[in-house]
Amino acid sequence: MLTHSSVEVNTGLDIKIARLRVGLFQYQLAGWLGISPCQLSQIKTGRIEPSPELVERIYREIETYSKAKG
């Protein structure tokens, strides 16, 4: 199970690590979130600071994907 808090999140890097651990491609996650892969990349590199709500949605999508994979 993926856990986080908005205080602990090293935003982009933590999201990338969580995404890679479950084998999720950046373009897949971006599509599910309704954002472009470019925007997700900018979050990863720290150019964009995501809102706490977006961070929560990102982790929810990653966790949902992880559970669906088994």
Protein backbone atom coordinates (compact mmCIF):
# COMPACT_ATOMS: atom_id res chain seq x y z
CA MET A 1 0.00 0.00 0.00
CA LEU A 2 1.28 3.43 -0.89
CA THR A 3 1.26 5.94 1.89
CA HIS A 4 2.14 9.59 2.00
CA SER A 5 1.25 12.89 3.49
CA SER A 6 1.48 16.24 1.78
CA VAL A 7 4.19 17.18 4.28
CA GLU A 8 6.39 14.18 3.45
CA VAL A 9 6.07 14.30 -0.32
CA ASN A 10 9.21 15.34 -2.17
CA THR A 11 6.70 16.01 -4.89
CA GLY A 12 8.12 15.01 -8.26
CA LEU A 13 10.72 12.48 -7.21
CA ASP A 14 8.40 10.66 -4.81
CA ILE A 15 5.67 10.53 -7.44
CA LYS A 16 8.09 9.18 -10.04
CA ILE A 17 9.39 6.50 -7.67
CA ALA A 18 5.86 5.45 -6.70
CA ARG A 19 4.83 5.35 -10.37
CA LEU A 20 7.84 3.27 -11.40
CA ARG A 21 7.40 0.81 -8.51
CA VAL A 22 4.04 -0.25 -9.88
CA GLY A 23 5.16 -0.21 -13.54
CA LEU A 24 3.01 2.72 -14.59
CA PHE A 25 4.05 4.85 -17.55
CA GLN A 26 4.04 8.64 -17.25
CA TYR A 27 1.67 9.03 -20.22
CA GLN A 28 -0.81 6.58 -18.63
CA LEU A 29 -0.89 8.44 -15.33
CA ALA A 30 -1.14 11.82 -17.05
CA GLY A 31 -4.07 10.60 -19.16
CA TRP A 32 -5.97 9.31 -16.13
CA LEU A 33 -5.41 12.63 -14.37
CA GLY A 34 -6.49 14.67 -17.38
CA ILE A 35 -3.17 16.48 -17.65
CA SER A 36 -0.47 16.31 -20.29
CA PRO A 37 2.63 14.14 -19.89
CA CYS A 38 4.56 17.42 -20.16
CA GLN A 39 2.77 18.80 -17.08
CA LEU A 40 3.51 15.61 -15.16
CA SER A 41 7.15 15.89 -16.21
CA GLN A 42 7.25 19.48 -14.96
CA ILE A 43 5.91 18.31 -11.60
CA LYS A 44 8.64 15.66 -11.52
CA THR A 45 11.37 18.23 -12.17
CA GLY A 46 9.96 20.78 -9.72
CA ARG A 47 8.96 23.36 -12.33
CA ILE A 48 5.32 23.03 -11.29
CA GLU A 49 4.20 22.70 -7.67
CA PRO A 50 1.05 20.57 -7.66
CA SER A 51 -1.84 21.39 -5.39
CA PRO A 52 -2.40 19.05 -2.43
CA GLU A 53 -5.57 17.87 -4.20
CA LEU A 54 -3.61 16.90 -7.32
CA VAL A 55 -1.00 15.09 -5.24
CA GLU A 56 -3.80 13.13 -3.57
CA ARG A 57 -5.32 12.26 -6.98
CA ILE A 58 -1.92 11.16 -8.30
CA TYR A 59 -1.35 8.77 -5.40
CA ARG A 60 -4.92 7.51 -5.59
CA GLU A 61 -4.46 6.66 -9.30
CA ILE A 62 -1.13 4.95 -8.62
CA GLU A 63 -2.64 2.92 -5.78
CA THR A 64 -5.67 1.98 -7.88
CA TYR A 65 -3.40 0.80 -10.69
CA SER A 66 -1.26 -1.17 -8.24
CA LYS A 67 -4.30 -2.96 -6.80
CA ALA A 68 -5.67 -3.72 -10.28
CA LYS A 69 -2.38 -5.33 -11.28
CA GLY A 70 -2.69 -7.69 -8.36
